[in-house]
Protein backbone atom coordinates (compact mmCIF):
# COMPACT_ATOMS: atom_id res chain seq x y z
CA MET A 1 -88.69 -96.80 67.08
CA ASN A 2 -87.31 -100.38 68.44
CA ASP A 3 -89.46 -103.21 69.60
CA LYS A 4 -88.43 -101.90 73.56
CA ASN A 5 -89.57 -98.29 73.22
CA PHE A 6 -92.73 -99.45 70.82
CA LEU A 7 -94.35 -101.44 73.42
CA GLU A 8 -93.59 -98.67 76.34
CA GLU A 9 -95.31 -96.53 74.67
CA LEU A 10 -98.11 -98.68 73.31
CA LYS A 11 -98.55 -99.80 76.99
CA GLN A 12 -98.10 -96.26 77.91
CA LYS A 13 -100.77 -94.75 75.68
CA ARG A 14 -103.64 -98.18 75.95
CA ASP A 15 -103.34 -97.04 79.93
CA GLU A 16 -103.89 -93.41 78.90
CA TYR A 17 -106.90 -94.42 76.63
CA GLY A 18 -108.05 -96.36 79.41
CA VAL A 19 -108.33 -99.60 77.21
CA THR A 20 -108.31 -103.37 78.23
CA GLN A 21 -106.00 -105.88 77.24
CA ILE A 22 -109.25 -107.85 76.25
CA GLN A 23 -110.56 -104.61 73.71
CA ILE A 24 -107.58 -104.32 71.92
CA ALA A 25 -107.69 -108.20 71.31
CA THR A 26 -110.90 -108.31 70.23
CA ALA A 27 -110.12 -105.54 68.39
CA CYS A 28 -107.30 -107.79 66.40
CA GLY A 29 -108.53 -110.69 66.16
CA ILE A 30 -106.74 -111.86 68.81
CA THR A 31 -107.14 -113.76 72.07
CA ARG A 32 -105.90 -111.47 75.71
CA GLU A 33 -103.40 -113.91 76.26
CA TYR A 34 -101.89 -114.01 72.97
CA TYR A 35 -102.03 -110.18 72.84
CA ASN A 36 -100.64 -110.12 76.70
CA ARG A 37 -97.31 -112.10 75.67
CA ILE A 38 -97.00 -109.70 72.64
CA GLU A 39 -97.19 -106.43 75.10
CA ASN A 40 -94.42 -108.60 77.47
CA GLY A 41 -91.84 -108.75 74.52
CA LYS A 42 -92.24 -112.23 74.53
CA LEU A 43 -93.29 -112.39 70.59
CA PRO A 44 -91.68 -111.03 68.00
CA LEU A 45 -92.87 -107.51 65.96
CA THR A 46 -93.38 -107.14 62.99
CA ASP A 47 -94.18 -103.84 60.98
CA GLU A 48 -97.72 -104.96 59.64
CA LEU A 49 -98.39 -105.99 63.28
CA LYS A 50 -96.82 -102.78 64.41
CA GLU A 51 -99.07 -100.82 62.19
CA ARG A 52 -102.20 -103.34 63.00
CA LEU A 53 -101.78 -102.64 66.59
CA THR A 54 -101.42 -98.70 66.42
CA SER A 55 -104.34 -98.19 64.25
CA GLU A 56 -106.76 -100.44 66.62
CA LEU A 57 -105.70 -98.50 69.66
CA GLU A 58 -106.13 -95.10 68.19
CA ARG A 59 -109.83 -96.51 66.51
CA LEU A 60 -110.51 -96.71 70.79
CA ASN A 61 -109.18 -93.43 71.41
CA PRO A 62 -111.56 -91.65 74.01
CA GLN A 63 -110.81 -88.35 72.39
CA GLU A 64 -113.18 -89.14 69.09
CA PRO A 65 -110.77 -90.92 66.41
CA LEU A 66 -112.86 -89.09 64.34
CA PHE A 67 -115.19 -85.69 64.31
CA ILE A 68 -117.00 -83.76 61.97
CA LEU A 69 -116.12 -79.83 61.38
CA ILE A 70 -117.92 -77.09 59.10
CA ASP A 71 -114.57 -75.62 56.91
CA TYR A 72 -115.69 -73.66 54.35
CA PHE A 73 -119.21 -71.77 54.67
CA ARG A 74 -120.48 -69.23 52.19
CA VAL A 75 -123.76 -67.50 51.84
CA ARG A 76 -125.23 -64.47 49.73
CA PHE A 77 -128.02 -62.26 51.67
CA PRO A 78 -130.31 -60.39 49.33
CA THR A 79 -129.73 -56.89 50.81
CA THR A 80 -126.81 -53.83 50.24
CA ASP A 81 -127.01 -53.48 54.24
CA ALA A 82 -124.21 -55.19 55.24
CA LEU A 83 -124.32 -53.86 58.51
CA SER A 84 -127.52 -55.19 59.06
CA VAL A 85 -125.22 -58.91 58.28
CA ILE A 86 -122.68 -58.17 60.52
CA LYS A 87 -125.55 -57.24 63.38
CA ASN A 88 -127.92 -59.21 63.17
CA VAL A 89 -126.46 -62.71 61.71
CA LEU A 90 -122.68 -62.29 62.48
CA LYS A 91 -124.06 -60.29 66.11
CA LEU A 92 -120.90 -58.71 65.67
CA ASN A 93 -120.14 -55.14 66.53
CA PRO A 94 -119.06 -53.41 63.18
CA LYS A 95 -116.74 -51.03 65.31
CA HIS A 96 -114.87 -54.41 65.48
CA MET A 97 -113.96 -54.57 62.04
CA LEU A 98 -111.87 -53.37 59.14
CA ARG A 99 -113.18 -51.76 55.85
CA GLU A 100 -111.46 -51.71 53.00
CA ASP A 101 -112.36 -50.55 49.16
CA TYR A 102 -112.51 -53.79 47.75
CA GLY A 103 -113.73 -57.10 47.56
CA LYS A 104 -113.26 -60.57 45.52
CA TYR A 105 -115.54 -62.16 43.74
CA GLY A 106 -116.93 -58.97 41.71
CA TYR A 107 -117.94 -57.14 45.01
CA GLU A 108 -116.48 -53.60 45.44
CA SER A 109 -115.78 -53.60 49.46
CA GLN A 110 -115.24 -55.75 52.34
CA TYR A 111 -115.54 -55.66 56.44
CA TYR A 112 -113.43 -58.20 57.62
CA ILE A 113 -112.00 -59.13 61.39
CA GLY A 114 -109.32 -61.93 60.76
CA ASP A 115 -110.39 -64.05 58.64
CA ILE A 116 -114.01 -63.21 58.67
CA PHE A 117 -115.21 -60.91 55.81
CA VAL A 118 -118.07 -60.04 54.65
CA MET A 119 -118.47 -58.71 51.20
CA CYS A 120 -120.29 -55.78 49.85
CA SER A 121 -121.71 -53.85 46.90
CA ALA A 122 -124.77 -51.43 45.64
CA ASN A 123 -125.57 -54.07 42.59
CA GLU A 124 -128.40 -55.34 44.67
CA GLN A 125 -128.10 -58.76 42.49
CA LEU A 126 -124.88 -59.25 44.56
CA GLY A 127 -126.39 -58.32 48.00
CA VAL A 128 -123.98 -59.09 50.66
CA LEU A 129 -121.60 -62.50 50.81
CA LEU A 130 -120.18 -63.85 53.87
CA GLU A 131 -117.41 -65.82 53.38
CA LEU A 132 -115.44 -68.57 55.73
CA LYS A 133 -112.86 -70.57 54.70
CA GLY A 134 -111.16 -72.77 57.41
CA ARG A 135 -109.38 -70.03 59.80
CA GLY A 136 -112.53 -68.23 59.26
CA CYS A 137 -114.87 -70.66 60.39
CA ARG A 138 -112.65 -71.54 63.72
CA GLN A 139 -112.64 -67.94 64.45
CA MET A 140 -116.13 -67.64 63.95
CA GLU A 141 -116.93 -70.60 66.44
CA ALA A 142 -115.25 -68.52 69.27
CA TYR A 143 -117.96 -65.70 68.45
CA LEU A 144 -120.57 -68.27 68.62
CA LEU A 145 -119.37 -69.66 71.87
CA ALA A 146 -119.62 -66.63 73.23
CA GLN A 147 -122.69 -66.16 71.85
CA GLU A 148 -123.81 -68.89 73.49
CA ARG A 149 -124.94 -70.11 69.80
CA SER A 150 -124.45 -73.21 67.86
CA TRP A 151 -123.49 -73.66 64.42
CA TYR A 152 -127.10 -74.91 63.51
CA ASP A 153 -128.44 -71.75 65.11
CA PHE A 154 -126.37 -69.85 62.80
CA MET A 155 -127.20 -71.39 60.24
CA MET A 156 -130.86 -71.08 61.12
CA ASP A 157 -129.99 -66.97 61.45
CA CYS A 158 -128.44 -67.07 57.73
CA MET A 159 -132.23 -69.21 56.75
CA THR A 160 -134.18 -66.77 58.62
CA ALA A 161 -132.55 -63.76 56.96
CA ASP A 162 -132.80 -65.64 53.28
CA GLY A 163 -129.19 -66.13 52.73
CA LYS A 164 -128.69 -68.39 49.99
CA MET A 165 -126.03 -70.58 49.91
CA LYS A 166 -123.25 -70.85 47.78
CA ARG A 167 -120.11 -72.88 49.21
CA LEU A 168 -120.30 -75.27 52.09
CA ASP A 169 -117.66 -78.02 53.24
CA LEU A 170 -117.70 -81.08 55.48
CA ALA A 171 -114.50 -82.49 57.21
CA ILE A 172 -114.07 -85.24 58.79
CA ASN A 173 -110.78 -85.67 60.60
CA ASP A 174 -109.30 -88.61 61.15
CA ARG A 175 -106.59 -88.56 63.88
CA ALA A 176 -106.09 -92.69 63.81
CA GLY A 177 -104.90 -93.19 60.44
CA ILE A 178 -108.12 -94.92 59.23
CA LEU A 179 -108.25 -93.61 55.95
CA ASP A 180 -104.99 -94.47 54.19
CA ILE A 181 -105.44 -92.39 51.07
CA PRO A 182 -102.14 -94.06 48.86
CA ARG A 183 -104.47 -97.27 49.96
CA LEU A 184 -107.71 -96.01 48.60
CA LYS A 185 -106.33 -93.91 45.94
CA ALA A 186 -104.47 -97.74 45.23
CA LYS A 187 -107.97 -99.35 45.12
CA TYR A 188 -109.70 -97.20 43.01
CA LYS A 189 -106.98 -97.36 40.53
CA ALA A 190 -107.61 -101.44 40.41
CA GLY A 191 -111.69 -101.15 40.53
CA GLU A 192 -111.87 -101.84 44.21
CA CYS A 193 -114.75 -99.00 44.42
CA ILE A 194 -117.91 -98.16 43.34
CA SER A 195 -118.68 -94.56 42.71
CA LEU A 196 -121.32 -92.79 40.67
CA PHE A 197 -118.70 -89.98 40.53
CA ARG A 198 -117.29 -90.27 36.79
CA ASN A 199 -113.85 -88.36 37.84
CA GLN A 200 -111.31 -89.07 40.36
CA LYS A 201 -107.78 -87.57 40.45
CA GLY A 202 -104.88 -88.30 42.68
CA TYR A 203 -102.11 -85.80 43.52
CA ASP A 204 -98.42 -86.02 45.54
CA GLY A 205 -97.20 -83.17 46.70
CA THR A 206 -94.76 -82.19 43.91
CA GLU A 207 -97.77 -82.26 41.44
CA LYS A 208 -99.84 -80.41 43.83
CA CYS A 209 -97.31 -77.94 45.00
CA GLY A 210 -94.65 -77.73 42.40
CA SER A 211 -91.37 -77.62 42.73
CA ASP A 212 -90.91 -74.80 45.19
CA VAL A 213 -92.63 -76.40 47.77
CA PRO A 214 -90.92 -79.39 49.94
CA LYS A 215 -91.81 -82.81 48.31
CA ASN A 216 -93.77 -84.32 50.81
CA THR A 217 -96.79 -82.23 50.86
CA GLY A 218 -98.58 -85.81 50.99
CA GLU A 219 -100.83 -87.48 48.42
CA THR A 220 -104.32 -86.45 47.80
CA LEU A 221 -107.54 -88.21 46.33
CA TYR A 222 -110.25 -86.10 44.18
CA LEU A 223 -113.66 -87.97 43.99
CA GLY A 224 -115.73 -86.13 41.23
CA SER A 225 -114.99 -83.26 39.30
CA THR A 226 -113.96 -80.04 41.20
CA SER A 227 -115.70 -78.16 38.68
CA SER A 228 -119.23 -79.91 39.86
CA GLU A 229 -121.72 -78.71 42.62
CA LEU A 230 -120.47 -81.64 44.79
CA TYR A 231 -117.52 -83.34 44.89
CA MET A 232 -115.43 -84.89 47.60
CA CYS A 233 -110.97 -85.13 48.46
CA ALA A 234 -109.46 -86.97 50.88
CA TYR A 235 -106.19 -86.24 51.87
CA GLN A 236 -102.90 -86.46 54.03
CA LYS A 237 -103.44 -83.24 56.92
CA ASN A 238 -100.68 -84.06 58.66
CA TYR A 239 -98.33 -83.69 55.78
CA GLU A 240 -99.99 -80.47 54.44
CA GLN A 241 -99.81 -79.32 58.52
CA ALA A 242 -96.12 -80.44 58.71
CA VAL A 243 -95.60 -78.23 55.44
CA LYS A 244 -97.70 -75.33 56.38
CA LYS A 245 -96.45 -74.86 60.15
CA GLY A 246 -93.10 -75.86 60.03
CA ILE A 247 -93.40 -78.64 62.55
CA GLU A 248 -92.98 -82.89 62.64
CA LEU A 249 -95.34 -85.28 61.39
CA GLU A 250 -95.65 -86.68 64.99
CA GLU A 251 -96.73 -83.50 66.52
CA CYS A 252 -99.68 -83.00 64.04
CA GLU A 253 -103.22 -84.46 65.94
CA ILE A 254 -104.69 -85.00 62.54
CA LYS A 255 -103.66 -87.96 59.91
CA ASN A 256 -106.16 -87.50 57.60
CA ARG A 257 -109.07 -85.48 56.13
CA PHE A 258 -111.97 -86.44 53.95
CA GLU A 259 -114.10 -83.36 52.74
CA ILE A 260 -117.37 -83.55 51.12
CA ARG A 261 -117.52 -80.00 49.35
CA MET A 262 -120.96 -78.70 47.91
CA LYS A 263 -121.93 -75.47 46.61
CA ASN A 264 -125.10 -73.27 45.09
CA GLU A 265 -127.82 -76.08 45.69
CA ARG A 266 -125.86 -79.05 47.00
CA ALA A 267 -125.22 -76.42 49.98
CA TYR A 268 -128.54 -75.08 50.48
CA TYR A 269 -130.06 -79.21 50.25
CA VAL A 270 -126.96 -79.95 52.90
CA VAL A 271 -127.68 -77.53 55.44
CA VAL A 272 -132.01 -77.89 55.18
CA ASP A 273 -130.87 -81.47 56.16
CA LEU A 274 -128.75 -80.48 58.89
CA LEU A 275 -131.13 -78.30 60.15
CA THR A 276 -134.04 -81.22 60.11
CA TYR A 277 -131.53 -84.06 61.86
CA TYR A 278 -129.30 -81.87 63.93
CA ASP A 279 -127.29 -85.09 63.34
CA ALA A 280 -123.94 -84.22 61.15
CA GLU A 281 -123.01 -87.62 60.98
CA HIS A 282 -126.17 -88.83 59.63
CA THR A 283 -125.72 -85.62 56.75
CA ALA A 284 -122.43 -86.44 56.06
CA PHE A 285 -122.47 -90.43 55.61
CA SER A 286 -125.76 -90.30 53.99
CA ILE A 287 -124.09 -88.16 51.25
CA ILE A 288 -120.76 -90.45 51.08
CA ASN A 289 -122.64 -93.72 51.60
CA HIS A 290 -124.50 -93.07 48.07
CA TYR A 291 -121.85 -91.49 46.02
CA VAL A 292 -119.01 -94.26 46.89
CA ARG A 293 -118.05 -97.09 48.29
CA PHE A 294 -114.68 -99.08 48.87
CA LEU A 295 -114.43 -102.87 48.45
CA LYS A 296 -112.54 -105.92 49.09
CA ARG A 297 -111.42 -107.77 46.16
CA ASP A 298 -113.17 -111.01 45.58
CA ASP A 299 -113.18 -112.51 42.32
CA THR A 300 -115.30 -115.26 42.49
CA LEU A 301 -118.21 -112.64 42.26
CA PRO A 302 -119.70 -110.17 40.75
CA LYS A 303 -118.38 -106.88 41.93
CA ARG A 304 -121.64 -105.98 43.40
CA SER A 305 -121.41 -108.60 45.66
CA TRP A 306 -117.90 -108.01 47.09
CA GLU A 307 -117.82 -106.80 50.78
CA LEU A 308 -117.02 -103.70 51.91
CA ASP A 309 -113.53 -103.10 52.49
CA GLU A 310 -113.18 -103.45 56.21
CA ASP A 311 -111.70 -99.73 57.07
CA TRP A 312 -113.77 -98.45 54.53
CA GLU A 313 -117.09 -100.13 56.74
CA TRP A 314 -115.48 -98.42 59.98
CA PHE A 315 -114.86 -95.51 58.83
CA ILE A 316 -118.84 -94.71 58.13
CA GLY A 317 -120.05 -96.48 60.87
CA LYS A 318 -119.73 -100.41 61.69
CA ASN A 319 -118.96 -101.08 65.61
CA ARG A 320 -117.40 -97.11 66.01
CA GLU A 321 -118.51 -94.72 68.89
CA LYS A 322 -121.19 -91.89 66.76
CA ILE A 323 -119.66 -89.17 65.59
CA ARG A 324 -120.67 -85.59 65.95
CA LEU A 325 -120.05 -81.79 64.82
CA THR A 326 -116.89 -80.61 66.60
CA THR A 327 -115.83 -77.28 67.20
CA GLN A 328 -112.24 -75.81 67.75
CA PRO A 329 -112.60 -72.17 68.22
CA GLU A 330 -109.58 -70.03 67.80
CA PRO A 331 -110.06 -66.63 68.65
CA TYR A 332 -108.11 -63.87 66.28
CA THR A 333 -105.25 -62.83 67.92
CA LEU A 334 -101.77 -61.41 67.29
CA GLU A 335 -100.13 -65.31 68.24
CA ARG A 336 -100.83 -66.48 64.22
CA ALA A 337 -98.56 -63.44 63.71
CA LEU A 338 -96.20 -63.82 66.23
CA ASN A 339 -96.01 -67.70 65.23
CA TRP A 340 -94.99 -66.18 61.55
CA VAL A 341 -92.56 -63.78 62.89
CA GLN A 342 -90.81 -67.00 64.85
CA ARG A 343 -90.67 -68.68 62.11
CA GLN A 344 -90.14 -66.53 58.77
CA VAL A 345 -88.67 -63.39 59.78
CA ALA A 346 -86.70 -63.68 63.11
CA PRO A 347 -83.48 -65.75 61.82
CA THR A 348 -83.15 -62.40 59.85
CA ILE A 349 -83.78 -60.53 61.72
CA LYS A 350 -81.00 -61.91 64.06
CA MET A 351 -79.03 -61.71 61.20
CA LEU A 352 -79.02 -58.38 60.78
CA GLN A 353 -78.31 -57.72 64.25
CA GLU A 354 -75.45 -59.70 64.24
CA LEU A 355 -74.66 -57.55 60.86
CA ASP A 356 -75.04 -54.44 62.91
CA LYS A 357 -72.82 -55.37 65.60
CA GLN A 358 -70.09 -56.75 62.62
CA ASN A 359 -69.84 -53.20 60.84
CA ASN A 360 -70.80 -51.15 63.62
CA THR A 361 -73.62 -49.80 61.67
CA THR A 362 -77.64 -49.06 62.80
CA ILE A 363 -79.43 -51.22 59.59
CA LEU A 364 -82.27 -52.42 61.49
CA LYS A 365 -82.98 -49.47 63.45
CA ASP A 366 -82.92 -47.74 60.58
CA MET A 367 -85.46 -50.08 58.50
CA ILE A 368 -87.72 -50.06 61.76
CA ASN A 369 -87.84 -46.28 62.29
CA ASN A 370 -88.65 -45.88 58.56
CA THR A 371 -91.66 -48.88 58.56
CA GLU A 372 -95.29 -47.43 58.79
CA LEU A 373 -98.01 -49.35 59.79
CA LYS A 374 -100.46 -50.57 57.55
CA LYS A 375 -104.25 -50.29 58.44
CA LYS A 376 -104.73 -53.68 59.30
CA HIS A 377 -101.78 -53.66 61.60
CA LYS A 378 -103.46 -50.73 63.32
CA HIS A 379 -106.13 -52.82 63.27
CA LEU A 380 -104.79 -56.00 64.99
CA LEU A 381 -103.70 -53.80 67.56
CA GLU A 382 -106.76 -52.27 68.69
CA LEU A 383 -108.27 -55.66 68.39
CA GLU A 384 -105.89 -56.91 70.87
CA LYS A 385 -106.68 -54.13 73.67
CA SER A 386 -110.77 -55.73 73.43
CA ASN A 387 -111.80 -59.27 74.69
CA ILE A 388 -114.22 -61.49 72.59
CA GLU A 389 -117.24 -60.16 74.61
CA ASP A 390 -117.00 -56.73 73.51
CA ARG A 391 -116.90 -57.88 69.78
CA ILE A 392 -120.05 -59.30 70.28
CA TYR A 393 -123.18 -56.90 68.89
CA THR A 394 -125.75 -56.20 70.84
CA ASP A 395 -129.07 -54.65 70.77
CA ILE A 396 -128.17 -51.41 72.82
CA SER A 397 -127.48 -48.80 71.13
CA GLN A 398 -123.38 -47.78 71.31
CA GLU A 399 -122.13 -44.01 70.45
CA ASP A 400 -120.99 -43.48 66.69
CA ASP A 401 -117.10 -44.12 66.77
CA GLY A 402 -116.69 -42.37 63.52
CA ILE A 403 -115.31 -45.66 61.92
CA PHE A 404 -118.43 -45.55 59.49
C-alpha cells in the first residue's frame, strides 16, 4: 500500500470510528498540528510510523478492540439421566438431538446437536458429561439468547445441578493487534518477563502443524505446561483463521488471541469467581496479572523495578475502556456444510461435470444416485425444518416422537 492510499484509509477509518485528530495525536504522543501535517501528506511516512498510527487508531475502535469469550466449557453431572441434563440444564428439546452409540472419554453413548455434545454412561462415576468446544460455545450462545439466559445464568444452572467443572477456557480476542505475538516471544526469551510459570514454549506454523499444512499458520506462545491445571496461550488468530477458512488475512476480524485454559479445581474456582463478581474482565486479568508480566528492559535497575511494557500495560487495563464478556451466537445450520462444499468439493464436482460432457458419461450422476445419506445428514435436514425456538425445551409435555 502506497502512502497516499494509507493516508486515505487512515482518515476514512478515523472518521468511521468517530476519532478526532486530537485523540489520535494524544494516543501517539504528538501534537494535533503534527498529526494534521501527517494526515495531509506533508510529512514523510516510515513503516514504524504507519504501524504506530494503525495500532493507536485501532485501540480507539468503538467496536471494542478487546473482548472476552468463553471458548471451551466442559462439566460433568453426577447422574446417569442425560435427558434430564438436556432438558433442565441445556433447556433444549431432546427430540432435536441425535443419539449415537459411542462417545469420547470412555462414555458409552452421546447426544448432540451441531457441536453441543452430551455424553452418557450407565457408570455413575462417569455420570453425564457436557462438552462445548469453540463452535459449541458459539452455538450454545444462540440458544441462550433465545432462552433469555446469559452465560452466568447457564453456569449457575450447571452448579445448581451439582455439575463438576472439568475445563473452562477464557479467550481474550484482540482486534487491534495490540498483542504482538512474535514480540512477546522475543521478550520472554530475552528475560523481559516475570512469570510464575516454569515452562514456556513457542511454535511457528510448521512446527505446530507439520509440512502438509501451509507454513504460515502464525506463531504461538505457551506459558506454563499444557499438562497442568492452568496454563496460558497467545497466538496469531488471523493466520489460523486464514488457513482454516481459506480467506485473506485482511478479512480476519481477530488478529490475536490470548487464552487462559483451566481444568478441574482451577476451572471450578474461576466459575465461582465469575458468579461472585459477574465481571469476566476482573476474573481474567486477576489470573493474568498473578502469573505473568511483560517488562521494559532497564539494565540500570534490578529486574523487579523494571516498568511494565507499554503495550502489555494497555492490554491489562491502563487507559483503555473496560472489556466485557461477549457472545457471538452462531446458530447451527447447513451454512457450514455449504461453505465446506464450496471451498473443498465444488471444484471437483465441476471437473466431473466437464469430464462427463467431454466423454459423454454419467459418472457424477451415478455417484450421487448410488450415495446414501447417513444418519447425521438426515438429522441436519430435519433441523433445517425447525427454528431455534422449536429446539428449546419447555415444561409443556410433548408427544413422544419415538426417537428415545
